Amino acid sequence: MSGQRLRAQFSRLYHHFNGEDTDTALQAVADILVCTRRNARMVLSKLEEHGWLTWQPSVGRGKLSRLTFLRSESALREEQATQWLTQGKIDHALACLDHDATKLVTLIQKQMGPSTQNGRQIVRLPYYRQLEELDPRGPLRRSEQHLVGQIFNGLVRYRGNDRIVVADLAHHWDALSATQWRFYLRPGVRFHDGRLMTEHDVISSLSQLATRRFFAHIASVTSPGRE
């Protein structure tokens, strides 16, 4: 049974009993769901597996069973809408919330910021237009430059608005000549996936920059450990 079909069955039960726990019979549940007693029992079992309700069958002829709701219909709607938002399907999320834009905005705000899913760190933020690839090596708009500054690190960076160069990935540096600089990398720096940064990563990044027009003045990038 699909998740959408199961939520519809839950909604029928929830509305019929106004979301209140009740004593009822399996046949009554079957009538509400418009199915056989066997199918009604299967649906109740599935709903229990999802943690949406509990069903305590009666013992003895003529006795009623106990139906207890563990989730509200609105909570399930928000949960489904959240799943749609995670997949970027805003229209589906809005429809799931009965096209209530206020609820959608509230739900989106809850999803903003950093989070962890399946061991991965994820940052969500609203933006007024589609973003292209955030490549710090190419020309960027001011807004993209701000985002890149939050994601990537350089050997050095500017401190605040005073444009003073301070350490970043390099903890200090020396001017060996008028055209040669040596940077000393901070130890123990790791990428977002946990991989340790090495001088090879820096050489590769700066060498690729040298192919760009604005960085054509870079003659070569080497490491003393590779000489």
C-alpha atoms as a PDB file:
ATOM      1  CA  MET A   1       0.000   0.000   0.000  1.00  0.00           C
ATOM      2  CA  SER A   2       1.412   3.384  -1.010  1.00  0.00           C
ATOM      3  CA  GLY A   3       2.155   6.042   1.574  1.00  0.00           C
ATOM      4  CA  GLN A   4      -0.404   8.377   0.027  1.00  0.00           C
ATOM      5  CA  ARG A   5      -3.125   5.692   0.152  1.00  0.00           C
ATOM      6  CA  LEU A   6      -2.260   4.876   3.759  1.00  0.00           C
ATOM      7  CA  ARG A   7      -2.462   8.543   4.775  1.00  0.00           C
ATOM      8  CA  ALA A   8      -5.888   8.749   3.116  1.00  0.00           C
ATOM      9  CA  GLN A   9      -7.070   5.755   5.161  1.00  0.00           C
ATOM     10  CA  PHE A  10      -5.720   7.339   8.333  1.00  0.00           C
ATOM     11  CA  SER A  11      -7.478  10.598   7.470  1.00  0.00           C
ATOM     12  CA  ARG A  12     -10.813   8.776   7.131  1.00  0.00           C
ATOM     13  CA  LEU A  13     -10.481   7.226  10.555  1.00  0.00           C
ATOM     14  CA  TYR A  14      -9.209  10.432  12.125  1.00  0.00           C
ATOM     15  CA  HIS A  15     -12.091  12.524  10.779  1.00  0.00           C
ATOM     16  CA  HIS A  16     -14.726   9.910  11.605  1.00  0.00           C
ATOM     17  CA  PHE A  17     -13.676   9.801  15.255  1.00  0.00           C
ATOM     18  CA  ASN A  18     -12.679  13.509  15.408  1.00  0.00           C
ATOM     19  CA  GLY A  19      -9.174  12.460  16.380  1.00  0.00           C
ATOM     20  CA  GLU A  20     -10.401  11.084  19.704  1.00  0.00           C
ATOM     21  CA  ASP A  21      -9.450   7.698  21.116  1.00  0.00           C
ATOM     22  CA  THR A  22     -12.430   5.368  21.084  1.00  0.00           C
ATOM     23  CA  ASP A  23     -13.752   1.857  21.625  1.00  0.00           C
ATOM     24  CA  THR A  24     -15.022   0.374  18.395  1.00  0.00           C
ATOM     25  CA  ALA A  25     -15.343  -2.860  16.437  1.00  0.00           C
ATOM     26  CA  LEU A  26     -13.308  -4.114  13.507  1.00  0.00           C
ATOM     27  CA  GLN A  27     -16.447  -4.214  11.346  1.00  0.00           C
ATOM     28  CA  ALA A  28     -17.055  -0.530  12.063  1.00  0.00           C
ATOM     29  CA  VAL A  29     -13.515   0.269  10.948  1.00  0.00           C
ATOM     30  CA  ALA A  30     -14.065  -1.790   7.786  1.00  0.00           C
ATOM     31  CA  ASP A  31     -17.254   0.168   7.047  1.00  0.00           C
ATOM     32  CA  ILE A  32     -15.416   3.490   7.479  1.00  0.00           C
ATOM     33  CA  LEU A  33     -12.606   2.399   5.190  1.00  0.00           C
ATOM     34  CA  VAL A  34     -15.043   0.778   2.730  1.00  0.00           C
ATOM     35  CA  CYS A  35     -13.176  -2.514   2.684  1.00  0.00           C
ATOM     36  CA  THR A  36     -13.338  -6.031   4.070  1.00  0.00           C
ATOM     37  CA  ARG A  37     -12.548  -6.923   7.680  1.00  0.00           C
ATOM     38  CA  ARG A  38      -9.353  -8.579   6.472  1.00  0.00           C
ATOM     39  CA  ASN A  39      -8.207  -5.442   4.659  1.00  0.00           C
ATOM     40  CA  ALA A  40      -9.199  -3.277   7.613  1.00  0.00           C
ATOM     41  CA  ARG A  41      -7.011  -5.411   9.871  1.00  0.00           C
ATOM     42  CA  MET A  42      -4.125  -5.027   7.404  1.00  0.00           C
ATOM     43  CA  VAL A  43      -4.560  -1.243   7.253  1.00  0.00           C
ATOM     44  CA  LEU A  44      -4.594  -0.991  11.061  1.00  0.00           C
ATOM     45  CA  SER A  45      -1.432  -3.065  11.202  1.00  0.00           C
ATOM     46  CA  LYS A  46       0.299  -0.778   8.703  1.00  0.00           C
ATOM     47  CA  LEU A  47      -0.795   2.319  10.581  1.00  0.00           C
ATOM     48  CA  GLU A  48       0.603   0.837  13.781  1.00  0.00           C
ATOM     49  CA  GLU A  49       3.921   0.110  12.050  1.00  0.00           C
ATOM     50  CA  HIS A  50       4.154   3.781  11.106  1.00  0.00           C
ATOM     51  CA  GLY A  51       3.436   4.802  14.693  1.00  0.00           C
ATOM     52  CA  TRP A  52       0.317   6.747  13.780  1.00  0.00           C
ATOM     53  CA  LEU A  53      -2.118   4.831  16.001  1.00  0.00           C
ATOM     54  CA  THR A  54      -2.510   1.726  18.127  1.00  0.00           C
ATOM     55  CA  TRP A  55      -5.189  -0.955  17.818  1.00  0.00           C
ATOM     56  CA  GLN A  56      -5.901  -3.209  20.783  1.00  0.00           C
ATOM     57  CA  PRO A  57      -8.206  -6.037  19.622  1.00  0.00           C
ATOM     58  CA  SER A  58     -10.923  -7.133  22.009  1.00  0.00           C
ATOM     59  CA  VAL A  59     -10.859 -10.542  23.663  1.00  0.00           C
ATOM     60  CA  GLY A  60     -14.244 -12.257  23.580  1.00  0.00           C
ATOM     61  CA  ARG A  61     -17.375 -12.001  21.464  1.00  0.00           C
ATOM     62  CA  GLY A  62     -19.267  -8.718  21.563  1.00  0.00           C
ATOM     63  CA  LYS A  63     -16.477  -6.730  23.202  1.00  0.00           C
ATOM     64  CA  LEU A  64     -15.101  -3.564  21.593  1.00  0.00           C
ATOM     65  CA  SER A  65     -11.497  -2.963  20.606  1.00  0.00           C
ATOM     66  CA  ARG A  66      -9.527   0.148  21.548  1.00  0.00           C
ATOM     67  CA  LEU A  67      -8.392   2.617  18.867  1.00  0.00           C
ATOM     68  CA  THR A  68      -5.817   5.195  20.017  1.00  0.00           C
ATOM     69  CA  PHE A  69      -4.482   7.987  17.789  1.00  0.00           C
ATOM     70  CA  LEU A  70      -0.787   8.755  18.280  1.00  0.00           C
ATOM     71  CA  ARG A  71      -0.507  11.408  15.579  1.00  0.00           C
ATOM     72  CA  SER A  72      -2.790  14.162  14.359  1.00  0.00           C
ATOM     73  CA  GLU A  73      -3.745  14.571  10.730  1.00  0.00           C
ATOM     74  CA  SER A  74      -2.186  18.046  10.633  1.00  0.00           C
ATOM     75  CA  ALA A  75       1.108  16.630  11.925  1.00  0.00           C
ATOM     76  CA  LEU A  76       1.127  14.043   9.137  1.00  0.00           C
ATOM     77  CA  ARG A  77       0.367  16.723   6.566  1.00  0.00           C
ATOM     78  CA  GLU A  78       3.297  18.803   7.801  1.00  0.00           C
ATOM     79  CA  GLU A  79       5.521  15.742   7.726  1.00  0.00           C
ATOM     80  CA  GLN A  80       4.574  15.014   4.124  1.00  0.00           C
ATOM     81  CA  ALA A  81       4.974  18.668   3.165  1.00  0.00           C
ATOM     82  CA  THR A  82       8.426  18.644   4.745  1.00  0.00           C
ATOM     83  CA  GLN A  83       9.390  15.661   2.614  1.00  0.00           C
ATOM     84  CA  TRP A  84       8.225  17.508  -0.511  1.00  0.00           C
ATOM     85  CA  LEU A  85      10.251  20.573   0.510  1.00  0.00           C
ATOM     86  CA  THR A  86      13.328  18.414   1.026  1.00  0.00           C
ATOM     87  CA  GLN A  87      12.923  17.255  -2.574  1.00  0.00           C
ATOM     88  CA  GLY A  88      12.449  20.835  -3.762  1.00  0.00           C
ATOM     89  CA  LYS A  89       8.804  20.255  -4.746  1.00  0.00           C
ATOM     90  CA  ILE A  90       7.248  23.392  -3.294  1.00  0.00           C
ATOM     91  CA  ASP A  91       4.002  23.074  -5.302  1.00  0.00           C
ATOM     92  CA  HIS A  92       3.405  19.599  -3.870  1.00  0.00           C
ATOM     93  CA  ALA A  93       4.126  20.871  -0.366  1.00  0.00           C
ATOM     94  CA  LEU A  94       1.673  23.750  -0.779  1.00  0.00           C
ATOM     95  CA  ALA A  95      -1.044  21.390  -2.043  1.00  0.00           C
ATOM     96  CA  CYS A  96      -0.399  19.092   0.926  1.00  0.00           C
ATOM     97  CA  LEU A  97      -1.091  22.078   3.219  1.00  0.00           C
ATOM     98  CA  ASP A  98      -4.382  22.899   1.435  1.00  0.00           C
ATOM     99  CA  HIS A  99      -2.684  25.801  -0.367  1.00  0.00           C
ATOM    100  CA  ASP A 100      -2.198  27.671   2.901  1.00  0.00           C
ATOM    101  CA  ALA A 101       0.768  29.920   2.086  1.00  0.00           C
ATOM    102  CA  THR A 102       1.182  30.992   5.721  1.00  0.00           C
ATOM    103  CA  LYS A 103       1.668  27.387   6.843  1.00  0.00           C
ATOM    104  CA  LEU A 104       4.108  26.825   4.003  1.00  0.00           C
ATOM    105  CA  VAL A 105       6.195  29.857   4.960  1.00  0.00           C
ATOM    106  CA  THR A 106       6.276  28.705   8.583  1.00  0.00           C
ATOM    107  CA  LEU A 107       7.355  25.230   7.517  1.00  0.00           C
ATOM    108  CA  ILE A 108      10.056  26.607   5.205  1.00  0.00           C
ATOM    109  CA  GLN A 109      11.437  28.738   8.026  1.00  0.00           C
ATOM    110  CA  LYS A 110      11.703  25.630  10.203  1.00  0.00           C
ATOM    111  CA  GLN A 111      13.741  23.936   7.461  1.00  0.00           C
ATOM    112  CA  MET A 112      16.241  26.779   7.109  1.00  0.00           C
ATOM    113  CA  GLY A 113      19.728  26.655   8.551  1.00  0.00           C
ATOM    114  CA  PRO A 114      22.160  23.796   9.174  1.00  0.00           C
ATOM    115  CA  SER A 115      21.041  20.218   9.757  1.00  0.00           C
ATOM    116  CA  THR A 116      22.372  16.673   9.526  1.00  0.00           C
ATOM    117  CA  GLN A 117      20.756  13.971   7.396  1.00  0.00           C
ATOM    118  CA  ASN A 118      22.192  10.483   6.975  1.00  0.00           C
ATOM    119  CA  GLY A 119      25.513  11.673   8.324  1.00  0.00           C
ATOM    120  CA  ARG A 120      25.702  14.588   5.881  1.00  0.00           C
ATOM    121  CA  GLN A 121      25.741  18.241   6.902  1.00  0.00           C
ATOM    122  CA  ILE A 122      23.175  20.259   4.968  1.00  0.00           C
ATOM    123  CA  VAL A 123      22.555  24.009   4.952  1.00  0.00           C
ATOM    124  CA  ARG A 124      19.286  25.341   3.531  1.00  0.00           C
ATOM    125  CA  LEU A 125      18.622  29.000   2.843  1.00  0.00           C
ATOM    126  CA  PRO A 126      15.969  30.862   0.848  1.00  0.00           C
ATOM    127  CA  TYR A 127      16.979  32.667  -2.324  1.00  0.00           C
ATOM    128  CA  TYR A 128      14.990  34.732  -4.784  1.00  0.00           C
ATOM    129  CA  ARG A 129      16.397  33.135  -7.951  1.00  0.00           C
ATOM    130  CA  GLN A 130      18.076  29.995  -9.263  1.00  0.00           C
ATOM    131  CA  LEU A 131      21.750  29.833  -8.357  1.00  0.00           C
ATOM    132  CA  GLU A 132      24.328  28.749 -10.885  1.00  0.00           C
ATOM    133  CA  GLU A 133      27.412  26.774  -9.898  1.00  0.00           C
ATOM    134  CA  LEU A 134      29.174  28.476  -7.005  1.00  0.00           C
ATOM    135  CA  ASP A 135      32.693  28.328  -8.438  1.00  0.00           C
ATOM    136  CA  PRO A 136      35.013  30.680  -6.505  1.00  0.00           C
ATOM    137  CA  ARG A 137      37.472  30.688  -9.427  1.00  0.00           C
ATOM    138  CA  GLY A 138      35.125  32.553 -11.774  1.00  0.00           C
ATOM    139  CA  PRO A 139      33.403  35.953 -11.782  1.00  0.00           C
ATOM    140  CA  LEU A 140      30.482  36.112  -9.346  1.00  0.00           C
ATOM    141  CA  ARG A 141      27.733  38.517  -8.409  1.00  0.00           C
ATOM    142  CA  ARG A 142      27.983  40.216  -5.030  1.00  0.00           C
ATOM    143  CA  SER A 143      25.394  37.891  -3.488  1.00  0.00           C
ATOM    144  CA  GLU A 144      27.202  34.787  -4.770  1.00  0.00           C
ATOM    145  CA  GLN A 145      30.492  36.176  -3.485  1.00  0.00           C
ATOM    146  CA  HIS A 146      28.960  36.329  -0.016  1.00  0.00           C
ATOM    147  CA  LEU A 147      27.809  32.700  -0.238  1.00  0.00           C
ATOM    148  CA  VAL A 148      31.172  31.546  -1.568  1.00  0.00           C
ATOM    149  CA  GLY A 149      32.836  33.288   1.363  1.00  0.00           C
ATOM    150  CA  GLN A 150      30.716  31.191   3.746  1.00  0.00           C
ATOM    151  CA  ILE A 151      31.540  27.909   1.982  1.00  0.00           C
ATOM    152  CA  PHE A 152      35.141  28.118   0.785  1.00  0.00           C
ATOM    153  CA  ASN A 153      38.426  29.079   2.411  1.00  0.00           C
ATOM    154  CA  GLY A 154      41.507  30.679   0.905  1.00  0.00           C
ATOM    155  CA  LEU A 155      45.118  30.775   1.988  1.00  0.00           C
ATOM    156  CA  VAL A 156      44.333  34.198   3.453  1.00  0.00           C
ATOM    157  CA  ARG A 157      41.248  36.332   3.866  1.00  0.00           C
ATOM    158  CA  TYR A 158      40.222  39.913   4.523  1.00  0.00           C
ATOM    159  CA  ARG A 159      39.354  40.846   8.100  1.00  0.00           C
ATOM    160  CA  GLY A 160      35.993  42.578   8.217  1.00  0.00           C
ATOM    161  CA  ASN A 161      35.627  45.728   6.139  1.00  0.00           C
ATOM    162  CA  ASP A 162      39.079  47.150   6.854  1.00  0.00           C
ATOM    163  CA  ARG A 163      40.596  44.979   4.060  1.00  0.00           C
ATOM    164  CA  ILE A 164      43.476  43.792   6.224  1.00  0.00           C
ATOM    165  CA  VAL A 165      44.862  40.423   5.106  1.00  0.00           C
ATOM    166  CA  VAL A 166      44.859  37.801   7.872  1.00  0.00           C
ATOM    167  CA  ALA A 167      45.595  34.066   8.053  1.00  0.00           C
ATOM    168  CA  ASP A 168      43.116  31.445   6.912  1.00  0.00           C
ATOM    169  CA  LEU A 169      44.296  28.091   5.531  1.00  0.00           C
ATOM    170  CA  ALA A 170      47.841  29.409   5.774  1.00  0.00           C
ATOM    171  CA  HIS A 171      48.913  30.329   9.301  1.00  0.00           C
ATOM    172  CA  HIS A 172      51.703  32.595   8.011  1.00  0.00           C
ATOM    173  CA  TRP A 173      53.688  33.401   4.849  1.00  0.00           C
ATOM    174  CA  ASP A 174      56.978  34.868   3.673  1.00  0.00           C
ATOM    175  CA  ALA A 175      57.957  36.987   0.687  1.00  0.00           C
ATOM    176  CA  LEU A 176      61.022  35.169  -0.698  1.00  0.00           C
ATOM    177  CA  SER A 177      61.453  37.748  -3.460  1.00  0.00           C
ATOM    178  CA  ALA A 178      59.496  40.404  -5.296  1.00  0.00           C
ATOM    179  CA  THR A 179      57.713  37.689  -7.283  1.00  0.00           C
ATOM    180  CA  GLN A 180      57.768  34.636  -4.977  1.00  0.00           C
ATOM    181  CA  TRP A 181      55.758  33.912  -1.851  1.00  0.00           C
ATOM    182  CA  ARG A 182      55.796  30.890   0.438  1.00  0.00           C
ATOM    183  CA  PHE A 183      52.693  29.945   2.456  1.00  0.00           C
ATOM    184  CA  TYR A 184      52.728  27.602   5.459  1.00  0.00           C
ATOM    185  CA  LEU A 185      49.539  25.567   5.738  1.00  0.00           C
ATOM    186  CA  ARG A 186      47.679  25.009   8.960  1.00  0.00           C
ATOM    187  CA  PRO A 187      47.865  21.334   9.986  1.00  0.00           C
ATOM    188  CA  GLY A 188      44.798  19.170  10.474  1.00  0.00           C
ATOM    189  CA  VAL A 189      42.518  21.068   8.056  1.00  0.00           C
ATOM    190  CA  ARG A 190      39.827  18.806   6.596  1.00  0.00           C
ATOM    191  CA  PHE A 191      37.307  19.070   3.790  1.00  0.00           C
ATOM    192  CA  HIS A 192      33.553  18.706   4.433  1.00  0.00           C
ATOM    193  CA  ASP A 193      33.818  14.965   3.732  1.00  0.00           C
ATOM    194  CA  GLY A 194      36.510  14.519   6.365  1.00  0.00           C
ATOM    195  CA  ARG A 195      39.456  14.216   3.964  1.00  0.00           C
ATOM    196  CA  LEU A 196      42.652  15.842   5.192  1.00  0.00           C
ATOM    197  CA  MET A 197      43.833  18.796   3.100  1.00  0.00           C
ATOM    198  CA  THR A 198      47.356  18.535   1.685  1.00  0.00           C
ATOM    199  CA  GLU A 199      49.665  20.801  -0.293  1.00  0.00           C
ATOM    200  CA  HIS A 200      48.608  18.895  -3.420  1.00  0.00           C
ATOM    201  CA  ASP A 201      45.090  20.339  -3.076  1.00  0.00           C
ATOM    202  CA  VAL A 202      46.463  23.873  -2.840  1.00  0.00           C
ATOM    203  CA  ILE A 203      48.789  23.376  -5.809  1.00  0.00           C
ATOM    204  CA  SER A 204      45.946  21.975  -7.905  1.00  0.00           C
ATOM    205  CA  SER A 205      43.578  24.841  -7.048  1.00  0.00           C
ATOM    206  CA  LEU A 206      46.104  27.604  -7.676  1.00  0.00           C
ATOM    207  CA  SER A 207      47.392  25.966 -10.868  1.00  0.00           C
ATOM    208  CA  GLN A 208      43.847  25.935 -12.240  1.00  0.00           C
ATOM    209  CA  LEU A 209      43.522  29.607 -11.337  1.00  0.00           C
ATOM    210  CA  ALA A 210      46.622  30.360 -13.401  1.00  0.00           C
ATOM    211  CA  THR A 211      44.662  29.448 -16.536  1.00  0.00           C
ATOM    212  CA  ARG A 212      42.179  32.280 -15.861  1.00  0.00           C
ATOM    213  CA  ARG A 213      42.773  35.717 -17.301  1.00  0.00           C
ATOM    214  CA  PHE A 214      42.741  37.557 -13.969  1.00  0.00           C
ATOM    215  CA  PHE A 215      45.338  35.166 -12.538  1.00  0.00           C
ATOM    216  CA  ALA A 216      47.617  34.914 -15.583  1.00  0.00           C
ATOM    217  CA  HIS A 217      50.412  36.522 -13.530  1.00  0.00           C
ATOM    218  CA  ILE A 218      50.860  33.225 -11.617  1.00  0.00           C
ATOM    219  CA  ALA A 219      53.929  31.672 -13.253  1.00  0.00           C
ATOM    220  CA  SER A 220      54.076  28.421 -11.242  1.00  0.00           C
ATOM    221  CA  VAL A 221      52.920  26.801  -7.995  1.00  0.00           C
ATOM    222  CA  THR A 222      55.227  24.339  -6.253  1.00  0.00           C
ATOM    223  CA  SER A 223      55.893  22.883  -2.826  1.00  0.00           C
ATOM    224  CA  PRO A 224      59.341  22.508  -1.197  1.00  0.00           C
ATOM    225  CA  GLY A 225      58.369  18.940  -0.337  1.00  0.00           C
ATOM    226  CA  ARG A 226      57.980  18.135  -4.040  1.00  0.00           C
ATOM    227  CA  GLU A 227      61.187  19.737  -5.276  1.00  0.00           C
END
